[in-house]
N, C-alpha and C. Protein backbone atom coordinates (compact mmCIF):
# COMPACT_ATOMS: atom_id res chain seq x y z
N MET A 1 0.97 -1.22 0.06
CA MET A 1 0.21 -0.06 0.03
C MET A 1 0.94 1.39 0.07
N SER A 2 0.34 2.03 -0.81
CA SER A 2 1.27 3.28 -0.81
C SER A 2 0.99 4.24 0.42
N ILE A 3 1.91 5.22 0.46
CA ILE A 3 1.73 6.28 1.75
C ILE A 3 0.61 7.04 1.26
N ARG A 4 0.35 7.36 0.10
CA ARG A 4 -0.88 8.09 -0.25
C ARG A 4 -2.32 7.50 -0.12
N GLN A 5 -2.07 5.95 -0.37
CA GLN A 5 -3.40 5.56 -0.18
C GLN A 5 -3.52 4.98 1.52
N THR A 6 -2.38 4.89 2.21
CA THR A 6 -2.64 4.99 3.74
C THR A 6 -3.03 6.20 4.43
N LEU A 7 -2.63 7.12 3.39
CA LEU A 7 -3.03 8.63 4.32
C LEU A 7 -4.79 8.67 3.87
N SER A 8 -5.05 8.24 2.65
CA SER A 8 -6.37 8.27 2.13
C SER A 8 -7.16 7.78 3.44
N ASN A 9 -6.68 6.13 3.61
CA ASN A 9 -7.44 5.38 4.56
C ASN A 9 -7.43 6.19 5.94
N LEU A 10 -6.45 6.56 6.28
CA LEU A 10 -6.46 7.55 7.55
C LEU A 10 -7.52 8.69 7.93
N GLU A 11 -7.70 9.30 6.48
CA GLU A 11 -8.53 10.58 6.25
C GLU A 11 -10.05 9.62 6.61
N ASP A 12 -10.34 8.63 5.95
CA ASP A 12 -11.39 8.33 5.78
C ASP A 12 -11.77 7.58 7.55
N SER A 13 -10.81 7.08 7.82
CA SER A 13 -11.13 6.61 9.36
C SER A 13 -11.54 7.63 10.16
N ILE A 14 -10.73 9.10 10.34
CA ILE A 14 -11.24 10.38 11.04
C ILE A 14 -12.60 10.58 10.45
N ALA A 15 -12.87 10.82 9.44
CA ALA A 15 -14.10 11.07 8.81
C ALA A 15 -15.21 10.11 9.65
N GLU A 16 -14.78 8.86 9.46
CA GLU A 16 -15.94 7.76 10.41
C GLU A 16 -16.16 8.04 11.71
N ILE A 17 -14.98 8.65 12.26
CA ILE A 17 -14.90 8.83 13.75
C ILE A 17 -15.81 10.04 14.02
N ILE A 18 -15.69 11.08 13.13
CA ILE A 18 -16.38 12.33 13.29
C ILE A 18 -18.09 11.91 13.30
N ASN A 19 -18.13 11.50 11.93
CA ASN A 19 -19.60 11.09 11.71
C ASN A 19 -20.21 10.18 12.90
N PHE A 20 -19.49 9.22 13.30
CA PHE A 20 -20.04 8.26 14.42
C PHE A 20 -20.33 9.16 15.58
N LYS A 21 -19.35 10.23 15.98
CA LYS A 21 -19.73 10.92 17.29
C LYS A 21 -20.72 11.89 16.83
N GLU A 22 -21.01 12.35 15.70
CA GLU A 22 -22.16 13.49 15.72
C GLU A 22 -23.31 12.50 15.45
N GLU A 23 -23.27 11.33 14.99
CA GLU A 23 -24.71 10.76 15.22
C GLU A 23 -25.11 9.84 16.29
N THR A 24 -24.00 9.99 17.40
CA THR A 24 -24.51 9.42 18.47
C THR A 24 -24.32 10.27 19.68
N ASP A 25 -24.27 11.61 19.48
CA ASP A 25 -24.17 12.53 20.70
C ASP A 25 -25.22 12.51 21.64
N ASP A 26 -26.34 12.41 20.91
CA ASP A 26 -27.59 12.72 21.62
C ASP A 26 -28.01 11.73 22.29
N ARG A 27 -27.56 10.35 21.82
CA ARG A 27 -27.82 9.16 22.40
C ARG A 27 -27.05 9.23 23.68
N TYR A 28 -25.74 9.41 23.35
CA TYR A 28 -24.93 9.18 24.57
C TYR A 28 -24.88 10.28 25.64
N ARG A 29 -25.90 11.31 25.46
CA ARG A 29 -26.25 12.31 26.50
C ARG A 29 -27.04 11.90 27.48
N SER A 30 -28.21 11.19 26.88
CA SER A 30 -28.96 10.40 27.50
C SER A 30 -28.59 9.01 28.14
N THR A 31 -27.42 8.64 27.90
CA THR A 31 -26.99 7.25 28.62
C THR A 31 -26.45 7.42 29.99
N PRO A 32 -27.12 6.77 30.84
CA PRO A 32 -26.82 7.09 32.13
C PRO A 32 -25.13 6.75 32.56
N ASN A 33 -24.80 5.76 31.72
CA ASN A 33 -23.18 5.36 31.99
C ASN A 33 -22.62 5.81 30.85
N ILE A 34 -21.88 7.06 31.08
CA ILE A 34 -21.04 7.49 29.91
C ILE A 34 -20.01 6.98 29.53
N LEU A 35 -19.30 6.44 31.02
CA LEU A 35 -18.34 5.64 30.65
C LEU A 35 -18.33 4.36 29.46
N THR A 36 -19.36 3.79 29.69
CA THR A 36 -19.85 2.54 28.80
C THR A 36 -20.06 3.00 27.40
N ALA A 37 -20.29 4.12 27.50
CA ALA A 37 -20.59 4.89 26.01
C ALA A 37 -19.39 5.33 25.49
N LEU A 38 -18.49 5.91 26.43
CA LEU A 38 -17.16 6.15 25.77
C LEU A 38 -16.36 4.80 25.38
N ALA A 39 -16.44 3.71 26.12
CA ALA A 39 -15.79 2.78 25.90
C ALA A 39 -15.85 1.87 24.30
N GLU A 40 -17.31 2.26 24.43
CA GLU A 40 -17.76 1.34 23.11
C GLU A 40 -17.53 2.31 21.83
N PHE A 41 -17.36 3.48 22.04
CA PHE A 41 -16.86 4.43 21.20
C PHE A 41 -15.35 4.06 20.69
N HIS A 42 -14.67 4.14 21.56
CA HIS A 42 -13.18 3.81 21.48
C HIS A 42 -12.95 2.45 20.75
N GLU A 43 -13.73 1.59 21.46
CA GLU A 43 -13.21 -0.11 20.77
C GLU A 43 -13.59 0.07 19.24
N HIS A 44 -14.90 0.66 19.11
CA HIS A 44 -15.25 0.15 17.60
C HIS A 44 -14.68 1.20 16.45
N LYS A 45 -14.29 2.49 17.01
CA LYS A 45 -13.89 3.56 15.99
C LYS A 45 -12.39 3.73 16.07
N LEU A 46 -11.86 3.96 17.26
CA LEU A 46 -10.37 4.50 17.09
C LEU A 46 -9.13 3.36 16.97
N SER A 47 -9.81 1.98 16.88
CA SER A 47 -9.00 1.00 16.71
C SER A 47 -8.57 1.00 15.22
N ALA A 48 -9.57 1.39 14.31
CA ALA A 48 -9.08 1.62 12.83
C ALA A 48 -8.34 2.84 12.76
N LEU A 49 -8.33 3.75 13.48
CA LEU A 49 -7.36 4.84 13.46
C LEU A 49 -5.92 4.46 13.72
N ILE A 50 -5.85 3.70 14.65
CA ILE A 50 -4.68 3.27 15.44
C ILE A 50 -3.89 2.18 14.36
N SER A 51 -4.79 1.49 13.54
CA SER A 51 -4.15 0.58 12.58
C SER A 51 -3.69 1.31 11.46
N ASN A 52 -4.38 2.55 11.13
CA ASN A 52 -3.92 3.30 9.93
C ASN A 52 -2.73 4.01 10.48
N LEU A 53 -2.49 4.39 11.81
CA LEU A 53 -1.22 4.99 12.14
C LEU A 53 -0.18 4.17 11.99
N GLU A 54 -0.49 3.07 12.46
CA GLU A 54 0.52 1.90 12.49
C GLU A 54 1.08 1.53 10.89
N LYS A 55 0.11 1.40 9.93
CA LYS A 55 0.64 1.36 8.73
C LYS A 55 1.20 2.70 8.20
N ILE A 56 0.95 3.86 8.40
CA ILE A 56 1.91 5.03 8.06
C ILE A 56 2.93 4.98 9.03
N GLU A 57 3.19 4.56 10.22
CA GLU A 57 4.51 4.54 10.43
C GLU A 57 5.55 3.41 9.65
N GLU A 58 4.83 2.32 9.47
CA GLU A 58 5.53 1.44 8.54
C GLU A 58 6.05 1.73 7.18
N GLU A 59 4.93 2.32 6.54
CA GLU A 59 5.37 3.23 5.19
C GLU A 59 6.46 3.93 5.12
N LEU A 60 6.55 4.62 6.33
CA LEU A 60 7.32 5.99 6.39
C LEU A 60 8.95 5.16 6.70
N ILE A 61 8.66 4.29 7.51
CA ILE A 61 10.28 3.60 7.81
C ILE A 61 10.72 3.12 6.43
N GLU A 62 9.93 2.62 5.92
CA GLU A 62 10.30 1.91 4.48
C GLU A 62 10.58 3.00 3.47
N TYR A 63 10.00 4.13 3.52
CA TYR A 63 10.15 4.99 2.49
C TYR A 63 11.84 5.29 3.01
N VAL A 64 12.01 6.20 4.22
CA VAL A 64 13.28 6.38 4.71
C VAL A 64 14.39 5.58 4.58
N GLU A 65 14.20 4.32 4.67
CA GLU A 65 15.12 3.46 4.53
C GLU A 65 15.36 3.20 3.00
N GLU A 66 14.38 3.31 2.09
CA GLU A 66 14.68 2.90 0.69
C GLU A 66 15.37 4.18 -0.04
N LYS A 67 15.02 5.43 0.54
CA LYS A 67 15.57 6.59 0.07
C LYS A 67 16.65 6.93 0.76
N GLU A 68 17.24 6.30 1.63
CA GLU A 68 18.56 6.51 2.60
C GLU A 68 18.27 7.88 3.03
N ILE A 69 17.48 8.31 3.79
CA ILE A 69 17.28 9.87 4.25
C ILE A 69 17.45 9.60 5.84
N ASP A 70 18.25 10.61 6.28
CA ASP A 70 18.75 10.51 7.81
C ASP A 70 17.30 10.93 8.65
N PRO A 71 16.77 10.09 9.39
CA PRO A 71 15.48 10.43 10.07
C PRO A 71 15.63 11.52 11.01
N ALA A 72 16.66 11.72 11.37
CA ALA A 72 16.91 12.76 12.37
C ALA A 72 16.77 14.20 11.88
């Protein structure tokens, strides 16, 4: 996967998180246990973001090694 594709996937994940938050804000305001709601949010949506960030890290490391760029 190219860095551009990985970044595009990251943008999609961020948009998905924002949409999910907007769609569920009202429901979670009425949820008696906000911690449960937050845990659900993190479990289902932020894992995709973390995965994409890990892919970006891998792609950048490969790119730096391939181009023999000093990472400092």
